[in-house]
């Protein structure tokens, strides 16, 4: 499952009034909510602002994806960018708060 799929599934989970029983049910509900398969397939790019909460930290994120197969996420803590990961359709890179960007782990 790609990152876009994970974001879509996570988004669908938070909007449901009752807990879905399967991943297929989550995807079906999200697809209907977004206007059906044709509407989703017509999307050429998407940008999502995120608030990520973990037991040890909270951060803000901005996720951007574009067809065919490009993505970038910028993560900020306390108003300062602390992490970026991107994929240009051929290669990925990441940057962690200090130093130069590095090839993303595969």
PDB file of N, CA and C in Angstrom:
ATOM      1  N   UNK A   1       0.855  -1.169   0.000  1.00  0.00           N
ATOM      2  CA  UNK A   1       0.000   0.000   0.000  1.00  0.00           C
ATOM      3  C   UNK A   1       0.895   1.224   0.000  1.00  0.00           C
ATOM      4  N   UNK A   2       0.726   2.141  -0.948  1.00  0.00           N
ATOM      5  CA  UNK A   2       1.542   3.329  -1.044  1.00  0.00           C
ATOM      6  C   UNK A   2       1.162   4.373  -0.012  1.00  0.00           C
ATOM      7  N   UNK A   3       2.002   5.414   0.104  1.00  0.00           N
ATOM      8  CA  UNK A   3       1.770   6.464   1.082  1.00  0.00           C
ATOM      9  C   UNK A   3       0.447   7.160   0.849  1.00  0.00           C
ATOM     10  N   UNK A   4       0.085   7.417  -0.399  1.00  0.00           N
ATOM     11  CA  UNK A   4      -1.193   8.072  -0.689  1.00  0.00           C
ATOM     12  C   UNK A   4      -2.334   7.216  -0.170  1.00  0.00           C
ATOM     13  N   UNK A   5      -2.270   5.907  -0.394  1.00  0.00           N
ATOM     14  CA  UNK A   5      -3.320   5.004   0.088  1.00  0.00           C
ATOM     15  C   UNK A   5      -3.411   5.039   1.599  1.00  0.00           C
ATOM     16  N   UNK A   6      -2.266   5.077   2.276  1.00  0.00           N
ATOM     17  CA  UNK A   6      -2.264   5.124   3.736  1.00  0.00           C
ATOM     18  C   UNK A   6      -2.919   6.403   4.217  1.00  0.00           C
ATOM     19  N   UNK A   7      -2.592   7.533   3.600  1.00  0.00           N
ATOM     20  CA  UNK A   7      -3.191   8.816   3.975  1.00  0.00           C
ATOM     21  C   UNK A   7      -4.696   8.781   3.732  1.00  0.00           C
ATOM     22  N   UNK A   8      -5.125   8.231   2.589  1.00  0.00           N
ATOM     23  CA  UNK A   8      -6.543   8.145   2.271  1.00  0.00           C
ATOM     24  C   UNK A   8      -7.267   7.270   3.291  1.00  0.00           C
ATOM     25  N   UNK A   9      -6.704   6.126   3.619  1.00  0.00           N
ATOM     26  CA  UNK A   9      -7.331   5.225   4.591  1.00  0.00           C
ATOM     27  C   UNK A   9      -7.382   5.884   5.965  1.00  0.00           C
ATOM     28  N   UNK A  10      -6.300   6.519   6.383  1.00  0.00           N
ATOM     29  CA  UNK A  10      -6.287   7.194   7.684  1.00  0.00           C
ATOM     30  C   UNK A  10      -7.325   8.305   7.727  1.00  0.00           C
ATOM     31  N   UNK A  11      -7.432   9.085   6.655  1.00  0.00           N
ATOM     32  CA  UNK A  11      -8.415  10.148   6.584  1.00  0.00           C
ATOM     33  C   UNK A  11      -9.820   9.577   6.692  1.00  0.00           C
ATOM     34  N   UNK A  12     -10.091   8.500   6.007  1.00  0.00           N
ATOM     35  CA  UNK A  12     -11.412   7.874   6.048  1.00  0.00           C
ATOM     36  C   UNK A  12     -11.737   7.372   7.451  1.00  0.00           C
ATOM     37  N   UNK A  13     -10.777   6.824   8.142  1.00  0.00           N
ATOM     38  CA  UNK A  13     -11.023   6.293   9.485  1.00  0.00           C
ATOM     39  C   UNK A  13     -11.466   7.379  10.450  1.00  0.00           C
ATOM     40  N   UNK A  14     -10.863   8.553  10.379  1.00  0.00           N
ATOM     41  CA  UNK A  14     -11.189   9.604  11.321  1.00  0.00           C
ATOM     42  C   UNK A  14     -12.558  10.216  11.051  1.00  0.00           C
ATOM     43  N   UNK A  15     -13.096  10.045   9.851  1.00  0.00           N
ATOM     44  CA  UNK A  15     -14.380  10.628   9.523  1.00  0.00           C
ATOM     45  C   UNK A  15     -15.556   9.696   9.731  1.00  0.00           C
ATOM     46  N   UNK A  16     -15.340   8.467  10.107  1.00  0.00           N
ATOM     47  CA  UNK A  16     -16.416   7.479  10.244  1.00  0.00           C
ATOM     48  C   UNK A  16     -17.074   7.591  11.613  1.00  0.00           C
ATOM     49  N   UNK A  17     -18.400   7.427  11.640  1.00  0.00           N
ATOM     50  CA  UNK A  17     -19.118   7.471  12.910  1.00  0.00           C
ATOM     51  C   UNK A  17     -19.041   6.136  13.642  1.00  0.00           C
ATOM     52  N   UNK A  18     -18.892   5.038  12.930  1.00  0.00           N
ATOM     53  CA  UNK A  18     -18.687   3.733  13.568  1.00  0.00           C
ATOM     54  C   UNK A  18     -17.441   3.123  12.962  1.00  0.00           C
ATOM     55  N   UNK A  19     -16.825   2.253  13.682  1.00  0.00           N
ATOM     56  CA  UNK A  19     -15.593   1.643  13.205  1.00  0.00           C
ATOM     57  C   UNK A  19     -15.863   0.691  12.048  1.00  0.00           C
ATOM     58  N   UNK A  20     -15.176   0.868  10.907  1.00  0.00           N
ATOM     59  CA  UNK A  20     -15.312  -0.073   9.802  1.00  0.00           C
ATOM     60  C   UNK A  20     -14.771  -1.437  10.225  1.00  0.00           C
ATOM     61  N   UNK A  21     -15.278  -2.472   9.604  1.00  0.00           N
ATOM     62  CA  UNK A  21     -14.823  -3.798   9.981  1.00  0.00           C
ATOM     63  C   UNK A  21     -13.673  -4.283   9.115  1.00  0.00           C
ATOM     64  N   UNK A  22     -13.519  -3.741   7.910  1.00  0.00           N
ATOM     65  CA  UNK A  22     -12.446  -4.194   7.028  1.00  0.00           C
ATOM     66  C   UNK A  22     -11.825  -3.004   6.298  1.00  0.00           C
ATOM     67  N   UNK A  23     -10.625  -3.220   5.752  1.00  0.00           N
ATOM     68  CA  UNK A  23      -9.975  -2.203   4.934  1.00  0.00           C
ATOM     69  C   UNK A  23     -10.838  -1.915   3.701  1.00  0.00           C
ATOM     70  N   UNK A  24     -11.417  -2.954   3.110  1.00  0.00           N
ATOM     71  CA  UNK A  24     -12.272  -2.760   1.932  1.00  0.00           C
ATOM     72  C   UNK A  24     -13.453  -1.854   2.246  1.00  0.00           C
ATOM     73  N   UNK A  25     -14.036  -1.980   3.449  1.00  0.00           N
ATOM     74  CA  UNK A  25     -15.158  -1.117   3.835  1.00  0.00           C
ATOM     75  C   UNK A  25     -14.699   0.337   3.963  1.00  0.00           C
ATOM     76  N   UNK A  26     -13.518   0.553   4.536  1.00  0.00           N
ATOM     77  CA  UNK A  26     -12.974   1.904   4.655  1.00  0.00           C
ATOM     78  C   UNK A  26     -12.785   2.513   3.269  1.00  0.00           C
ATOM     79  N   UNK A  27     -12.190   1.750   2.360  1.00  0.00           N
ATOM     80  CA  UNK A  27     -11.943   2.243   1.002  1.00  0.00           C
ATOM     81  C   UNK A  27     -13.258   2.514   0.289  1.00  0.00           C
ATOM     82  N   UNK A  28     -14.234   1.629   0.431  1.00  0.00           N
ATOM     83  CA  UNK A  28     -15.544   1.828  -0.205  1.00  0.00           C
ATOM     84  C   UNK A  28     -16.217   3.105   0.306  1.00  0.00           C
ATOM     85  N   UNK A  29     -16.206   3.322   1.614  1.00  0.00           N
ATOM     86  CA  UNK A  29     -16.812   4.536   2.185  1.00  0.00           C
ATOM     87  C   UNK A  29     -16.104   5.792   1.686  1.00  0.00           C
ATOM     88  N   UNK A  30     -14.789   5.745   1.678  1.00  0.00           N
ATOM     89  CA  UNK A  30     -14.029   6.909   1.217  1.00  0.00           C
ATOM     90  C   UNK A  30     -14.311   7.187  -0.260  1.00  0.00           C
ATOM     91  N   UNK A  31     -14.341   6.145  -1.071  1.00  0.00           N
ATOM     92  CA  UNK A  31     -14.608   6.301  -2.502  1.00  0.00           C
ATOM     93  C   UNK A  31     -15.964   6.955  -2.719  1.00  0.00           C
ATOM     94  N   UNK A  32     -16.983   6.508  -2.017  1.00  0.00           N
ATOM     95  CA  UNK A  32     -18.325   7.099  -2.139  1.00  0.00           C
ATOM     96  C   UNK A  32     -18.308   8.553  -1.698  1.00  0.00           C
ATOM     97  N   UNK A  33     -17.663   8.824  -0.563  1.00  0.00           N
ATOM     98  CA  UNK A  33     -17.596  10.191  -0.043  1.00  0.00           C
ATOM     99  C   UNK A  33     -16.902  11.144  -1.012  1.00  0.00           C
ATOM    100  N   UNK A  34     -15.892  10.654  -1.719  1.00  0.00           N
ATOM    101  CA  UNK A  34     -15.128  11.497  -2.641  1.00  0.00           C
ATOM    102  C   UNK A  34     -15.769  11.614  -4.019  1.00  0.00           C
ATOM    103  N   UNK A  35     -16.940  11.000  -4.226  1.00  0.00           N
ATOM    104  CA  UNK A  35     -17.645  11.167  -5.498  1.00  0.00           C
ATOM    105  C   UNK A  35     -17.519   9.994  -6.447  1.00  0.00           C
ATOM    106  N   UNK A  36     -16.946   8.896  -6.004  1.00  0.00           N
ATOM    107  CA  UNK A  36     -16.826   7.707  -6.840  1.00  0.00           C
ATOM    108  C   UNK A  36     -15.455   7.569  -7.472  1.00  0.00           C
ATOM    109  N   UNK A  37     -15.252   6.409  -8.095  1.00  0.00           N
ATOM    110  CA  UNK A  37     -13.948   6.080  -8.697  1.00  0.00           C
ATOM    111  C   UNK A  37     -13.538   7.071  -9.775  1.00  0.00           C
ATOM    112  N   UNK A  38     -14.476   7.449 -10.635  1.00  0.00           N
ATOM    113  CA  UNK A  38     -14.132   8.366 -11.732  1.00  0.00           C
ATOM    114  C   UNK A  38     -13.649   9.712 -11.195  1.00  0.00           C
ATOM    115  N   UNK A  39     -14.292  10.216 -10.143  1.00  0.00           N
ATOM    116  CA  UNK A  39     -13.885  11.498  -9.559  1.00  0.00           C
ATOM    117  C   UNK A  39     -12.480  11.395  -8.960  1.00  0.00           C
ATOM    118  N   UNK A  40     -12.193  10.286  -8.284  1.00  0.00           N
ATOM    119  CA  UNK A  40     -10.870  10.103  -7.692  1.00  0.00           C
ATOM    120  C   UNK A  40      -9.811   9.982  -8.776  1.00  0.00           C
ATOM    121  N   UNK A  41     -10.089   9.209  -9.816  1.00  0.00           N
ATOM    122  CA  UNK A  41      -9.128   9.028 -10.907  1.00  0.00           C
ATOM    123  C   UNK A  41      -8.856  10.326 -11.667  1.00  0.00           C
ATOM    124  N   UNK A  42      -9.791  11.270 -11.644  1.00  0.00           N
ATOM    125  CA  UNK A  42      -9.613  12.541 -12.345  1.00  0.00           C
ATOM    126  C   UNK A  42      -8.695  13.506 -11.590  1.00  0.00           C
ATOM    127  N   UNK A  43      -8.452  13.246 -10.314  1.00  0.00           N
ATOM    128  CA  UNK A  43      -7.596  14.129  -9.515  1.00  0.00           C
ATOM    129  C   UNK A  43      -6.158  14.023 -10.014  1.00  0.00           C
ATOM    130  N   UNK A  44      -5.565  15.166 -10.314  1.00  0.00           N
ATOM    131  CA  UNK A  44      -4.183  15.201 -10.787  1.00  0.00           C
ATOM    132  C   UNK A  44      -3.184  15.543  -9.686  1.00  0.00           C
ATOM    133  N   UNK A  45      -3.657  16.234  -8.642  1.00  0.00           N
ATOM    134  CA  UNK A  45      -2.790  16.547  -7.511  1.00  0.00           C
ATOM    135  C   UNK A  45      -3.648  16.754  -6.270  1.00  0.00           C
ATOM    136  N   UNK A  46      -3.007  16.589  -5.119  1.00  0.00           N
ATOM    137  CA  UNK A  46      -3.711  16.745  -3.849  1.00  0.00           C
ATOM    138  C   UNK A  46      -2.741  17.317  -2.830  1.00  0.00           C
ATOM    139  N   UNK A  47      -3.253  18.157  -1.948  1.00  0.00           N
ATOM    140  CA  UNK A  47      -2.445  18.707  -0.862  1.00  0.00           C
ATOM    141  C   UNK A  47      -3.247  18.570   0.426  1.00  0.00           C
ATOM    142  N   UNK A  48      -2.618  18.020   1.458  1.00  0.00           N
ATOM    143  CA  UNK A  48      -3.291  17.770   2.721  1.00  0.00           C
ATOM    144  C   UNK A  48      -2.444  18.333   3.850  1.00  0.00           C
ATOM    145  N   UNK A  49      -3.066  19.155   4.698  1.00  0.00           N
ATOM    146  CA  UNK A  49      -2.406  19.623   5.915  1.00  0.00           C
ATOM    147  C   UNK A  49      -2.739  18.638   7.027  1.00  0.00           C
ATOM    148  N   UNK A  50      -1.711  18.226   7.766  1.00  0.00           N
ATOM    149  CA  UNK A  50      -1.859  17.186   8.779  1.00  0.00           C
ATOM    150  C   UNK A  50      -1.437  17.682  10.152  1.00  0.00           C
ATOM    151  N   UNK A  51      -2.066  17.152  11.178  1.00  0.00           N
ATOM    152  CA  UNK A  51      -1.596  17.311  12.551  1.00  0.00           C
ATOM    153  C   UNK A  51      -1.324  15.891  13.031  1.00  0.00           C
ATOM    154  N   UNK A  52      -0.078  15.599  13.334  1.00  0.00           N
ATOM    155  CA  UNK A  52       0.339  14.244  13.694  1.00  0.00           C
ATOM    156  C   UNK A  52       0.632  14.213  15.187  1.00  0.00           C
ATOM    157  N   UNK A  53      -0.054  13.317  15.891  1.00  0.00           N
ATOM    158  CA  UNK A  53       0.124  13.183  17.333  1.00  0.00           C
ATOM    159  C   UNK A  53       0.668  11.795  17.636  1.00  0.00           C
ATOM    160  N   UNK A  54       1.741  11.765  18.390  1.00  0.00           N
ATOM    161  CA  UNK A  54       2.373  10.527  18.821  1.00  0.00           C
ATOM    162  C   UNK A  54       2.520  10.638  20.339  1.00  0.00           C
ATOM    163  N   UNK A  55       2.637   9.548  21.065  1.00  0.00           N
ATOM    164  CA  UNK A  55       2.798   9.675  22.521  1.00  0.00           C
ATOM    165  C   UNK A  55       3.980  10.558  22.949  1.00  0.00           C
ATOM    166  N   UNK A  56       5.016  10.664  22.105  1.00  0.00           N
ATOM    167  CA  UNK A  56       6.198  11.428  22.499  1.00  0.00           C
ATOM    168  C   UNK A  56       6.315  12.792  21.814  1.00  0.00           C
ATOM    169  N   UNK A  57       5.479  13.106  20.809  1.00  0.00           N
ATOM    170  CA  UNK A  57       5.599  14.393  20.123  1.00  0.00           C
ATOM    171  C   UNK A  57       4.333  14.712  19.323  1.00  0.00           C
ATOM    172  N   UNK A  58       4.206  15.986  18.959  1.00  0.00           N
ATOM    173  CA  UNK A  58       3.171  16.438  18.034  1.00  0.00           C
ATOM    174  C   UNK A  58       3.835  17.308  16.983  1.00  0.00           C
ATOM    175  N   UNK A  59       3.463  17.121  15.729  1.00  0.00           N
ATOM    176  CA  UNK A  59       4.027  17.899  14.631  1.00  0.00           C
ATOM    177  C   UNK A  59       2.926  18.251  13.637  1.00  0.00           C
ATOM    178  N   UNK A  60       3.220  19.203  12.798  1.00  0.00           N
ATOM    179  CA  UNK A  60       2.343  19.585  11.697  1.00  0.00           C
ATOM    180  C   UNK A  60       2.985  19.078  10.413  1.00  0.00           C
ATOM    181  N   UNK A  61       2.175  18.679   9.462  1.00  0.00           N
ATOM    182  CA  UNK A  61       2.702  18.204   8.196  1.00  0.00           C
ATOM    183  C   UNK A  61       1.937  18.784   7.030  1.00  0.00           C
ATOM    184  N   UNK A  62       2.613  18.915   5.904  1.00  0.00           N
ATOM    185  CA  UNK A  62       1.986  19.306   4.656  1.00  0.00           C
ATOM    186  C   UNK A  62       2.388  18.261   3.630  1.00  0.00           C
ATOM    187  N   UNK A  63       1.388  17.500   3.144  1.00  0.00           N
ATOM    188  CA  UNK A  63       1.618  16.415   2.194  1.00  0.00           C
ATOM    189  C   UNK A  63       1.090  16.838   0.833  1.00  0.00           C
ATOM    190  N   UNK A  64       1.904  16.664  -0.189  1.00  0.00           N
ATOM    191  CA  UNK A  64       1.523  16.995  -1.560  1.00  0.00           C
ATOM    192  C   UNK A  64       1.864  15.812  -2.450  1.00  0.00           C
ATOM    193  N   UNK A  65       0.913  15.432  -3.297  1.00  0.00           N
ATOM    194  CA  UNK A  65       1.162  14.361  -4.263  1.00  0.00           C
ATOM    195  C   UNK A  65       0.598  14.779  -5.610  1.00  0.00           C
ATOM    196  N   UNK A  66       1.267  14.363  -6.692  1.00  0.00           N
ATOM    197  CA  UNK A  66       0.827  14.683  -8.049  1.00  0.00           C
ATOM    198  C   UNK A  66       1.057  13.472  -8.938  1.00  0.00           C
ATOM    199  N   UNK A  67       0.183  13.314  -9.912  1.00  0.00           N
ATOM    200  CA  UNK A  67       0.354  12.229 -10.884  1.00  0.00           C
ATOM    201  C   UNK A  67       1.391  12.652 -11.894  1.00  0.00           C
ATOM    202  N   UNK A  68       2.214  11.791 -12.393  1.00  0.00           N
ATOM    203  CA  UNK A  68       2.307  10.374 -12.066  1.00  0.00           C
ATOM    204  C   UNK A  68       3.366  10.113 -11.011  1.00  0.00           C
ATOM    205  N   UNK A  69       2.968   9.693  -9.835  1.00  0.00           N
ATOM    206  CA  UNK A  69       3.876   9.170  -8.818  1.00  0.00           C
ATOM    207  C   UNK A  69       4.838  10.119  -8.160  1.00  0.00           C
ATOM    208  N   UNK A  70       4.456  11.375  -7.953  1.00  0.00           N
ATOM    209  CA  UNK A  70       5.338  12.314  -7.269  1.00  0.00           C
ATOM    210  C   UNK A  70       4.722  12.677  -5.924  1.00  0.00           C
ATOM    211  N   UNK A  71       5.590  12.889  -4.896  1.00  0.00           N
ATOM    212  CA  UNK A  71       5.080  13.279  -3.590  1.00  0.00           C
ATOM    213  C   UNK A  71       6.145  14.032  -2.810  1.00  0.00           C
ATOM    214  N   UNK A  72       5.650  14.788  -1.816  1.00  0.00           N
ATOM    215  CA  UNK A  72       6.535  15.494  -0.891  1.00  0.00           C
ATOM    216  C   UNK A  72       5.769  15.691   0.409  1.00  0.00           C
ATOM    217  N   UNK A  73       6.469  15.502   1.516  1.00  0.00           N
ATOM    218  CA  UNK A  73       5.893  15.833   2.813  1.00  0.00           C
ATOM    219  C   UNK A  73       6.905  16.671   3.577  1.00  0.00           C
ATOM    220  N   UNK A  74       6.433  17.780   4.129  1.00  0.00           N
ATOM    221  CA  UNK A  74       7.229  18.641   4.994  1.00  0.00           C
ATOM    222  C   UNK A  74       6.627  18.549   6.390  1.00  0.00           C
ATOM    223  N   UNK A  75       7.467  18.309   7.387  1.00  0.00           N
ATOM    224  CA  UNK A  75       7.012  18.174   8.766  1.00  0.00           C
ATOM    225  C   UNK A  75       7.660  19.279   9.589  1.00  0.00           C
ATOM    226  N   UNK A  76       6.824  19.959  10.391  1.00  0.00           N
ATOM    227  CA  UNK A  76       7.298  21.063  11.228  1.00  0.00           C
ATOM    228  C   UNK A  76       6.934  20.818  12.686  1.00  0.00           C
ATOM    229  N   UNK A  77       7.809  21.263  13.573  1.00  0.00           N
ATOM    230  CA  UNK A  77       7.561  21.219  15.011  1.00  0.00           C
ATOM    231  C   UNK A  77       7.877  22.599  15.568  1.00  0.00           C
ATOM    232  N   UNK A  78       6.952  23.163  16.316  1.00  0.00           N
ATOM    233  CA  UNK A  78       7.179  24.489  16.887  1.00  0.00           C
ATOM    234  C   UNK A  78       7.405  25.549  15.832  1.00  0.00           C
ATOM    235  N   UNK A  79       6.779  25.386  14.667  1.00  0.00           N
ATOM    236  CA  UNK A  79       6.909  26.360  13.590  1.00  0.00           C
ATOM    237  C   UNK A  79       8.178  26.237  12.765  1.00  0.00           C
ATOM    238  N   UNK A  80       9.011  25.252  13.059  1.00  0.00           N
ATOM    239  CA  UNK A  80      10.271  25.065  12.338  1.00  0.00           C
ATOM    240  C   UNK A  80      10.254  23.726  11.595  1.00  0.00           C
ATOM    241  N   UNK A  81      10.660  23.752  10.328  1.00  0.00           N
ATOM    242  CA  UNK A  81      10.687  22.514   9.543  1.00  0.00           C
ATOM    243  C   UNK A  81      11.759  21.584  10.105  1.00  0.00           C
ATOM    244  N   UNK A  82      11.358  20.321  10.371  1.00  0.00           N
ATOM    245  CA  UNK A  82      12.289  19.363  10.966  1.00  0.00           C
ATOM    246  C   UNK A  82      12.524  18.140  10.075  1.00  0.00           C
ATOM    247  N   UNK A  83      11.689  17.935   9.058  1.00  0.00           N
ATOM    248  CA  UNK A  83      11.842  16.760   8.203  1.00  0.00           C
ATOM    249  C   UNK A  83      11.141  17.009   6.881  1.00  0.00           C
ATOM    250  N   UNK A  84      11.767  16.557   5.798  1.00  0.00           N
ATOM    251  CA  UNK A  84      11.159  16.571   4.476  1.00  0.00           C
ATOM    252  C   UNK A  84      11.518  15.265   3.790  1.00  0.00           C
ATOM    253  N   UNK A  85      10.538  14.703   3.102  1.00  0.00           N
ATOM    254  CA  UNK A  85      10.765  13.509   2.288  1.00  0.00           C
ATOM    255  C   UNK A  85      10.059  13.749   0.959  1.00  0.00           C
ATOM    256  N   UNK A  86      10.710  13.344  -0.135  1.00  0.00           N
ATOM    257  CA  UNK A  86      10.112  13.577  -1.447  1.00  0.00           C
ATOM    258  C   UNK A  86      10.487  12.461  -2.410  1.00  0.00           C
ATOM    259  N   UNK A  87       9.647  12.304  -3.433  1.00  0.00           N
ATOM    260  CA  UNK A  87       9.892  11.355  -4.508  1.00  0.00           C
ATOM    261  C   UNK A  87       9.478  12.044  -5.795  1.00  0.00           C
ATOM    262  N   UNK A  88      10.399  12.151  -6.760  1.00  0.00           N
ATOM    263  CA  UNK A  88      10.131  12.891  -7.993  1.00  0.00           C
ATOM    264  C   UNK A  88       9.623  12.008  -9.135  1.00  0.00           C
ATOM    265  N   UNK A  89       9.265  10.781  -8.832  1.00  0.00           N
ATOM    266  CA  UNK A  89       8.820   9.842  -9.851  1.00  0.00           C
ATOM    267  C   UNK A  89       9.911   8.863 -10.250  1.00  0.00           C
ATOM    268  N   UNK A  90      11.165   9.194  -9.906  1.00  0.00           N
ATOM    269  CA  UNK A  90      12.285   8.316 -10.220  1.00  0.00           C
ATOM    270  C   UNK A  90      13.164   8.029  -9.007  1.00  0.00           C
ATOM    271  N   UNK A  91      13.380   9.051  -8.190  1.00  0.00           N
ATOM    272  CA  UNK A  91      14.223   8.846  -7.017  1.00  0.00           C
ATOM    273  C   UNK A  91      13.674   9.645  -5.840  1.00  0.00           C
ATOM    274  N   UNK A  92      14.008   9.149  -4.645  1.00  0.00           N
ATOM    275  CA  UNK A  92      13.543   9.801  -3.432  1.00  0.00           C
ATOM    276  C   UNK A  92      14.693  10.407  -2.652  1.00  0.00           C
ATOM    277  N   UNK A  93      14.365  11.378  -1.816  1.00  0.00           N
ATOM    278  CA  UNK A  93      15.352  11.978  -0.936  1.00  0.00           C
ATOM    279  C   UNK A  93      14.667  12.396   0.363  1.00  0.00           C
ATOM    280  N   UNK A  94      15.464  12.586   1.390  1.00  0.00           N
ATOM    281  CA  UNK A  94      14.933  13.063   2.652  1.00  0.00           C
ATOM    282  C   UNK A  94      15.920  14.001   3.315  1.00  0.00           C
ATOM    283  N   UNK A  95      15.398  14.852   4.168  1.00  0.00           N
ATOM    284  CA  UNK A  95      16.198  15.825   4.906  1.00  0.00           C
ATOM    285  C   UNK A  95      15.704  15.829   6.341  1.00  0.00           C
ATOM    286  N   UNK A  96      16.632  15.772   7.282  1.00  0.00           N
ATOM    287  CA  UNK A  96      16.283  15.778   8.695  1.00  0.00           C
ATOM    288  C   UNK A  96      16.943  16.944   9.406  1.00  0.00           C
ATOM    289  N   UNK A  97      16.241  17.985   9.626  1.00  0.00           N
ATOM    290  CA  UNK A  97      16.546  19.208  10.371  1.00  0.00           C
ATOM    291  C   UNK A  97      17.946  19.808  10.261  1.00  0.00           C
ATOM    292  N   UNK A  98      18.957  19.064  10.045  1.00  0.00           N
ATOM    293  CA  UNK A  98      20.301  19.623   9.898  1.00  0.00           C
ATOM    294  C   UNK A  98      21.023  18.896   8.786  1.00  0.00           C
ATOM    295  N   UNK A  99      21.917  19.595   8.107  1.00  0.00           N
ATOM    296  CA  UNK A  99      22.702  18.970   7.069  1.00  0.00           C
ATOM    297  C   UNK A  99      22.008  18.975   5.723  1.00  0.00           C
ATOM    298  N   UNK A 100      22.607  18.243   4.811  1.00  0.00           N
ATOM    299  CA  UNK A 100      22.128  18.186   3.424  1.00  0.00           C
ATOM    300  C   UNK A 100      21.114  17.061   3.251  1.00  0.00           C
ATOM    301  N   UNK A 101      20.329  17.171   2.197  1.00  0.00           N
ATOM    302  CA  UNK A 101      19.378  16.112   1.861  1.00  0.00           C
ATOM    303  C   UNK A 101      20.158  14.848   1.493  1.00  0.00           C
ATOM    304  N   UNK A 102      19.535  13.695   1.776  1.00  0.00           N
ATOM    305  CA  UNK A 102      20.170  12.413   1.482  1.00  0.00           C
ATOM    306  C   UNK A 102      19.204  11.538   0.698  1.00  0.00           C
ATOM    307  N   UNK A 103      19.739  10.602  -0.034  1.00  0.00           N
ATOM    308  CA  UNK A 103      18.933   9.639  -0.751  1.00  0.00           C
ATOM    309  C   UNK A 103      18.031   8.925   0.264  1.00  0.00           C
ATOM    310  N   UNK A 104      16.760   8.781  -0.066  1.00  0.00           N
ATOM    311  CA  UNK A 104      15.814   8.129   0.834  1.00  0.00           C
ATOM    312  C   UNK A 104      16.101   6.644   0.916  1.00  0.00           C
ATOM    313  N   UNK A 105      15.874   6.089   2.095  1.00  0.00           N
ATOM    314  CA  UNK A 105      16.052   4.649   2.281  1.00  0.00           C
ATOM    315  C   UNK A 105      15.002   3.904   1.469  1.00  0.00           C
ATOM    316  N   UNK A 106      15.383   2.769   0.902  1.00  0.00           N
ATOM    317  CA  UNK A 106      14.435   1.985   0.094  1.00  0.00           C
ATOM    318  C   UNK A 106      13.828   0.866   0.873  1.00  0.00           C
TER     319      UNK A 106
END
